């Protein structure tokens, strides 16, 4: 390879990588016949200015894909329901106060059941459904959130659930999160 081409290539690589990768391969030191070229002194000078880095490839076993837990899916469906406009404003309160109660309700009402599933596609608009916990295709618990407008106070999100034991008629309160005095956006927005 011509001397000027090697030097140009070496400078280009050093410039483009900001010195992170040093062009110190055999091709830079040896010409086609295997003899050291005059550019080796240039490479040595570049080597003094550029710190050497070693690339070490770690061989790690490929992790097995773990399926998300029931609670992970419940939280995911809750955030799908909130959408990108509501979630940022209520996520801290939801994670701190409401979701631990959701976990507790699931543990209390589904302790003896196995192979539980979470429904997908929470309802949008102003409908209440967040997700339902099912056993063998039948709802066991229905988790809902209702938007309440309290005059002179503003809007609140009321989180609650219904259970199959009473034919889903009783509201079991989980808590509330204040929105503001302004009308909140629709779910899933």
C-alpha atoms as a PDB file:
ATOM      1  CA  UNK A   1       0.000   0.000   0.000  1.00  0.00           C
ATOM      2  CA  UNK A   2       1.288   3.467  -0.733  1.00  0.00           C
ATOM      3  CA  UNK A   3       2.775   5.340   2.185  1.00  0.00           C
ATOM      4  CA  UNK A   4       0.480   8.371   1.870  1.00  0.00           C
ATOM      5  CA  UNK A   5      -2.617   6.161   1.655  1.00  0.00           C
ATOM      6  CA  UNK A   6      -1.683   4.309   4.860  1.00  0.00           C
ATOM      7  CA  UNK A   7      -0.975   7.528   6.697  1.00  0.00           C
ATOM      8  CA  UNK A   8      -4.209   9.117   5.474  1.00  0.00           C
ATOM      9  CA  UNK A   9      -6.228   6.101   6.495  1.00  0.00           C
ATOM     10  CA  UNK A  10      -4.559   5.974   9.903  1.00  0.00           C
ATOM     11  CA  UNK A  11      -5.192   9.673  10.569  1.00  0.00           C
ATOM     12  CA  UNK A  12      -8.797   9.346   9.364  1.00  0.00           C
ATOM     13  CA  UNK A  13      -9.505   6.407  11.691  1.00  0.00           C
ATOM     14  CA  UNK A  14      -7.896   8.199  14.631  1.00  0.00           C
ATOM     15  CA  UNK A  15      -9.848  11.376  13.889  1.00  0.00           C
ATOM     16  CA  UNK A  16     -13.215   9.668  13.360  1.00  0.00           C
ATOM     17  CA  UNK A  17     -12.975   7.619  16.539  1.00  0.00           C
ATOM     18  CA  UNK A  18     -11.599  10.528  18.586  1.00  0.00           C
ATOM     19  CA  UNK A  19      -8.622   8.400  19.547  1.00  0.00           C
ATOM     20  CA  UNK A  20     -10.694   5.689  21.219  1.00  0.00           C
ATOM     21  CA  UNK A  21      -9.645   3.142  18.629  1.00  0.00           C
ATOM     22  CA  UNK A  22      -6.013   3.315  17.689  1.00  0.00           C
ATOM     23  CA  UNK A  23      -5.041   2.116  14.231  1.00  0.00           C
ATOM     24  CA  UNK A  24      -2.372  -0.304  15.475  1.00  0.00           C
ATOM     25  CA  UNK A  25      -2.931  -3.379  13.343  1.00  0.00           C
ATOM     26  CA  UNK A  26      -0.395  -5.336  11.342  1.00  0.00           C
ATOM     27  CA  UNK A  27      -1.549  -3.633   8.185  1.00  0.00           C
ATOM     28  CA  UNK A  28      -0.327  -0.283   9.521  1.00  0.00           C
ATOM     29  CA  UNK A  29       3.189  -1.537  10.300  1.00  0.00           C
ATOM     30  CA  UNK A  30       3.904  -3.890   7.465  1.00  0.00           C
ATOM     31  CA  UNK A  31       3.723  -3.364   3.779  1.00  0.00           C
ATOM     32  CA  UNK A  32       2.600  -6.021   1.337  1.00  0.00           C
ATOM     33  CA  UNK A  33       5.971  -7.795   1.414  1.00  0.00           C
ATOM     34  CA  UNK A  34       5.963  -8.061   5.220  1.00  0.00           C
ATOM     35  CA  UNK A  35       8.714  -5.461   5.776  1.00  0.00           C
ATOM     36  CA  UNK A  36       8.256  -2.588   8.194  1.00  0.00           C
ATOM     37  CA  UNK A  37       7.287   0.590   6.394  1.00  0.00           C
ATOM     38  CA  UNK A  38       8.412   4.124   6.945  1.00  0.00           C
ATOM     39  CA  UNK A  39       4.975   4.909   8.330  1.00  0.00           C
ATOM     40  CA  UNK A  40       5.751   2.910  11.484  1.00  0.00           C
ATOM     41  CA  UNK A  41       7.466   5.941  12.961  1.00  0.00           C
ATOM     42  CA  UNK A  42       4.302   7.918  12.254  1.00  0.00           C
ATOM     43  CA  UNK A  43       2.256   5.194  13.932  1.00  0.00           C
ATOM     44  CA  UNK A  44       4.560   5.224  16.941  1.00  0.00           C
ATOM     45  CA  UNK A  45       4.173   8.987  17.194  1.00  0.00           C
ATOM     46  CA  UNK A  46       0.390   8.633  16.974  1.00  0.00           C
ATOM     47  CA  UNK A  47       0.553   5.886  19.607  1.00  0.00           C
ATOM     48  CA  UNK A  48       2.198   8.258  22.083  1.00  0.00           C
ATOM     49  CA  UNK A  49      -0.619  10.770  21.673  1.00  0.00           C
ATOM     50  CA  UNK A  50      -3.493   8.296  21.707  1.00  0.00           C
ATOM     51  CA  UNK A  51      -4.241   6.149  24.766  1.00  0.00           C
ATOM     52  CA  UNK A  52      -4.424   2.437  24.080  1.00  0.00           C
ATOM     53  CA  UNK A  53      -7.647   0.633  24.728  1.00  0.00           C
ATOM     54  CA  UNK A  54      -8.205  -3.068  24.820  1.00  0.00           C
ATOM     55  CA  UNK A  55     -11.350  -4.642  23.574  1.00  0.00           C
ATOM     56  CA  UNK A  56     -12.260  -7.663  25.636  1.00  0.00           C
ATOM     57  CA  UNK A  57     -15.226  -9.678  24.555  1.00  0.00           C
ATOM     58  CA  UNK A  58     -17.080 -11.174  27.448  1.00  0.00           C
ATOM     59  CA  UNK A  59     -18.771 -14.439  26.731  1.00  0.00           C
ATOM     60  CA  UNK A  60     -21.970 -14.538  28.691  1.00  0.00           C
ATOM     61  CA  UNK A  61     -24.706 -17.090  28.462  1.00  0.00           C
ATOM     62  CA  UNK A  62     -27.812 -15.861  26.752  1.00  0.00           C
ATOM     63  CA  UNK A  63     -30.394 -15.189  29.445  1.00  0.00           C
ATOM     64  CA  UNK A  64     -33.548 -17.202  29.227  1.00  0.00           C
ATOM     65  CA  UNK A  65     -36.559 -15.124  28.329  1.00  0.00           C
ATOM     66  CA  UNK A  66     -38.624 -14.880  31.454  1.00  0.00           C
ATOM     67  CA  UNK A  67     -42.315 -14.330  31.142  1.00  0.00           C
ATOM     68  CA  UNK A  68     -43.550 -11.287  33.029  1.00  0.00           C
ATOM     69  CA  UNK A  69     -45.333 -11.996  36.291  1.00  0.00           C
ATOM     70  CA  UNK A  70     -49.013 -11.432  36.852  1.00  0.00           C
ATOM     71  CA  UNK A  71     -48.221  -8.244  38.779  1.00  0.00           C
ATOM     72  CA  UNK A  72     -45.945  -6.970  36.001  1.00  0.00           C
ATOM     73  CA  UNK A  73     -48.763  -7.463  33.523  1.00  0.00           C
ATOM     74  CA  UNK A  74     -51.223  -5.741  35.875  1.00  0.00           C
ATOM     75  CA  UNK A  75     -48.985  -2.694  36.162  1.00  0.00           C
ATOM     76  CA  UNK A  76     -48.396  -2.674  32.412  1.00  0.00           C
ATOM     77  CA  UNK A  77     -52.134  -2.712  31.664  1.00  0.00           C
ATOM     78  CA  UNK A  78     -52.682   0.074  34.202  1.00  0.00           C
ATOM     79  CA  UNK A  79     -50.175   2.274  32.417  1.00  0.00           C
ATOM     80  CA  UNK A  80     -51.711   1.419  29.054  1.00  0.00           C
ATOM     81  CA  UNK A  81     -55.011   2.664  30.492  1.00  0.00           C
ATOM     82  CA  UNK A  82     -53.425   5.903  31.745  1.00  0.00           C
ATOM     83  CA  UNK A  83     -51.870   6.720  28.393  1.00  0.00           C
ATOM     84  CA  UNK A  84     -49.058   9.170  27.835  1.00  0.00           C
ATOM     85  CA  UNK A  85     -50.966  12.216  29.048  1.00  0.00           C
ATOM     86  CA  UNK A  86     -52.193  10.931  32.416  1.00  0.00           C
ATOM     87  CA  UNK A  87     -49.405   8.526  33.424  1.00  0.00           C
ATOM     88  CA  UNK A  88     -46.620  11.090  33.971  1.00  0.00           C
ATOM     89  CA  UNK A  89     -48.751  13.078  36.382  1.00  0.00           C
ATOM     90  CA  UNK A  90     -50.112  10.224  38.521  1.00  0.00           C
ATOM     91  CA  UNK A  91     -47.424   7.525  38.209  1.00  0.00           C
ATOM     92  CA  UNK A  92     -45.636   8.312  41.493  1.00  0.00           C
ATOM     93  CA  UNK A  93     -48.838   8.245  43.545  1.00  0.00           C
ATOM     94  CA  UNK A  94     -50.087   5.178  41.706  1.00  0.00           C
ATOM     95  CA  UNK A  95     -46.854   3.241  42.323  1.00  0.00           C
ATOM     96  CA  UNK A  96     -46.639   4.337  45.963  1.00  0.00           C
ATOM     97  CA  UNK A  97     -50.231   4.142  47.201  1.00  0.00           C
ATOM     98  CA  UNK A  98     -52.516   2.337  44.759  1.00  0.00           C
ATOM     99  CA  UNK A  99     -50.477  -0.487  43.236  1.00  0.00           C
ATOM    100  CA  UNK A 100     -49.442  -2.036  46.597  1.00  0.00           C
ATOM    101  CA  UNK A 101     -53.160  -2.271  47.411  1.00  0.00           C
ATOM    102  CA  UNK A 102     -53.788  -3.920  44.029  1.00  0.00           C
ATOM    103  CA  UNK A 103     -51.111  -6.499  44.891  1.00  0.00           C
ATOM    104  CA  UNK A 104     -52.741  -7.061  48.267  1.00  0.00           C
ATOM    105  CA  UNK A 105     -56.203  -7.490  46.729  1.00  0.00           C
ATOM    106  CA  UNK A 106     -54.898 -10.040  44.227  1.00  0.00           C
ATOM    107  CA  UNK A 107     -53.081 -11.961  46.963  1.00  0.00           C
ATOM    108  CA  UNK A 108     -56.142 -11.924  49.228  1.00  0.00           C
ATOM    109  CA  UNK A 109     -58.690 -12.959  46.618  1.00  0.00           C
ATOM    110  CA  UNK A 110     -56.609 -15.334  44.507  1.00  0.00           C
ATOM    111  CA  UNK A 111     -54.447 -17.114  47.071  1.00  0.00           C
ATOM    112  CA  UNK A 112     -55.935 -20.529  46.318  1.00  0.00           C
ATOM    113  CA  UNK A 113     -56.050 -20.127  42.526  1.00  0.00           C
ATOM    114  CA  UNK A 114     -53.351 -20.948  40.032  1.00  0.00           C
ATOM    115  CA  UNK A 115     -52.824 -20.065  36.375  1.00  0.00           C
ATOM    116  CA  UNK A 116     -54.263 -16.584  36.641  1.00  0.00           C
ATOM    117  CA  UNK A 117     -54.295 -14.278  33.641  1.00  0.00           C
ATOM    118  CA  UNK A 118     -54.719 -10.546  33.115  1.00  0.00           C
ATOM    119  CA  UNK A 119     -57.037  -9.179  30.471  1.00  0.00           C
ATOM    120  CA  UNK A 120     -55.614  -6.812  27.909  1.00  0.00           C
ATOM    121  CA  UNK A 121     -57.126  -3.798  26.175  1.00  0.00           C
ATOM    122  CA  UNK A 122     -58.296  -1.538  28.990  1.00  0.00           C
ATOM    123  CA  UNK A 123     -61.240   0.642  28.062  1.00  0.00           C
ATOM    124  CA  UNK A 124     -60.679   4.155  26.770  1.00  0.00           C
ATOM    125  CA  UNK A 125     -62.717   7.320  26.825  1.00  0.00           C
ATOM    126  CA  UNK A 126     -64.268   7.727  30.269  1.00  0.00           C
ATOM    127  CA  UNK A 127     -64.989   4.021  30.876  1.00  0.00           C
ATOM    128  CA  UNK A 128     -63.683   2.452  34.110  1.00  0.00           C
ATOM    129  CA  UNK A 129     -62.035  -0.887  33.198  1.00  0.00           C
ATOM    130  CA  UNK A 130     -58.286  -1.102  33.843  1.00  0.00           C
ATOM    131  CA  UNK A 131     -57.855  -4.892  33.780  1.00  0.00           C
ATOM    132  CA  UNK A 132     -59.507  -8.042  35.067  1.00  0.00           C
ATOM    133  CA  UNK A 133     -57.829 -10.998  36.735  1.00  0.00           C
ATOM    134  CA  UNK A 134     -59.165 -14.254  35.331  1.00  0.00           C
ATOM    135  CA  UNK A 135     -58.999 -17.896  36.285  1.00  0.00           C
ATOM    136  CA  UNK A 136     -59.860 -20.407  33.581  1.00  0.00           C
ATOM    137  CA  UNK A 137     -61.314 -17.640  31.417  1.00  0.00           C
ATOM    138  CA  UNK A 138     -63.694 -16.291  34.087  1.00  0.00           C
ATOM    139  CA  UNK A 139     -63.254 -12.970  35.888  1.00  0.00           C
ATOM    140  CA  UNK A 140     -62.216 -13.261  39.517  1.00  0.00           C
ATOM    141  CA  UNK A 141     -61.410  -9.598  40.215  1.00  0.00           C
ATOM    142  CA  UNK A 142     -62.171  -6.519  38.126  1.00  0.00           C
ATOM    143  CA  UNK A 143     -59.958  -3.489  38.696  1.00  0.00           C
ATOM    144  CA  UNK A 144     -61.469  -0.159  37.706  1.00  0.00           C
ATOM    145  CA  UNK A 145     -60.707   3.541  37.930  1.00  0.00           C
ATOM    146  CA  UNK A 146     -63.451   6.155  37.856  1.00  0.00           C
ATOM    147  CA  UNK A 147     -63.064   9.883  37.219  1.00  0.00           C
ATOM    148  CA  UNK A 148     -64.971  11.893  39.797  1.00  0.00           C
ATOM    149  CA  UNK A 149     -65.716  15.608  39.579  1.00  0.00           C
ATOM    150  CA  UNK A 150     -66.170  17.189  42.996  1.00  0.00           C
ATOM    151  CA  UNK A 151     -67.508  20.732  42.813  1.00  0.00           C
ATOM    152  CA  UNK A 152     -65.035  23.336  44.101  1.00  0.00           C
ATOM    153  CA  UNK A 153     -62.404  20.604  44.670  1.00  0.00           C
ATOM    154  CA  UNK A 154     -61.615  19.315  41.196  1.00  0.00           C
ATOM    155  CA  UNK A 155     -61.184  15.925  39.580  1.00  0.00           C
ATOM    156  CA  UNK A 156     -60.081  12.748  41.342  1.00  0.00           C
ATOM    157  CA  UNK A 157     -59.317   9.261  40.093  1.00  0.00           C
ATOM    158  CA  UNK A 158     -61.074   6.699  42.270  1.00  0.00           C
ATOM    159  CA  UNK A 159     -59.407   3.269  42.109  1.00  0.00           C
ATOM    160  CA  UNK A 160     -61.495   0.293  43.197  1.00  0.00           C
ATOM    161  CA  UNK A 161     -62.160  -3.348  42.446  1.00  0.00           C
ATOM    162  CA  UNK A 162     -65.055  -5.792  42.312  1.00  0.00           C
ATOM    163  CA  UNK A 163     -64.934  -9.507  43.168  1.00  0.00           C
ATOM    164  CA  UNK A 164     -66.785 -12.516  41.791  1.00  0.00           C
ATOM    165  CA  UNK A 165     -67.912 -13.665  45.289  1.00  0.00           C
ATOM    166  CA  UNK A 166     -70.557 -10.920  45.443  1.00  0.00           C
ATOM    167  CA  UNK A 167     -71.303 -10.967  41.723  1.00  0.00           C
ATOM    168  CA  UNK A 168     -69.153  -7.813  41.204  1.00  0.00           C
ATOM    169  CA  UNK A 169     -71.689  -5.566  42.942  1.00  0.00           C
ATOM    170  CA  UNK A 170     -69.613  -4.037  45.780  1.00  0.00           C
ATOM    171  CA  UNK A 171     -66.946  -1.375  45.315  1.00  0.00           C
ATOM    172  CA  UNK A 172     -63.793  -2.257  47.266  1.00  0.00           C
ATOM    173  CA  UNK A 173     -61.913   1.009  47.560  1.00  0.00           C
ATOM    174  CA  UNK A 174     -58.188   1.151  46.775  1.00  0.00           C
ATOM    175  CA  UNK A 175     -57.673   4.900  47.021  1.00  0.00           C
ATOM    176  CA  UNK A 176     -57.840   8.153  45.125  1.00  0.00           C
ATOM    177  CA  UNK A 177     -55.424  10.376  43.234  1.00  0.00           C
ATOM    178  CA  UNK A 178     -56.116  14.052  42.697  1.00  0.00           C
ATOM    179  CA  UNK A 179     -55.869  15.297  39.102  1.00  0.00           C
ATOM    180  CA  UNK A 180     -56.616  19.045  39.147  1.00  0.00           C
ATOM    181  CA  UNK A 181     -59.536  21.410  38.712  1.00  0.00           C
ATOM    182  CA  UNK A 182     -59.200  21.077  34.949  1.00  0.00           C
ATOM    183  CA  UNK A 183     -61.003  18.291  33.093  1.00  0.00           C
ATOM    184  CA  UNK A 184     -58.619  15.339  32.671  1.00  0.00           C
ATOM    185  CA  UNK A 185     -57.927  13.854  29.251  1.00  0.00           C
ATOM    186  CA  UNK A 186     -59.656  10.659  28.164  1.00  0.00           C
ATOM    187  CA  UNK A 187     -58.116   7.320  29.034  1.00  0.00           C
ATOM    188  CA  UNK A 188     -55.614   5.839  26.569  1.00  0.00           C
ATOM    189  CA  UNK A 189     -54.742   9.318  25.272  1.00  0.00           C
END
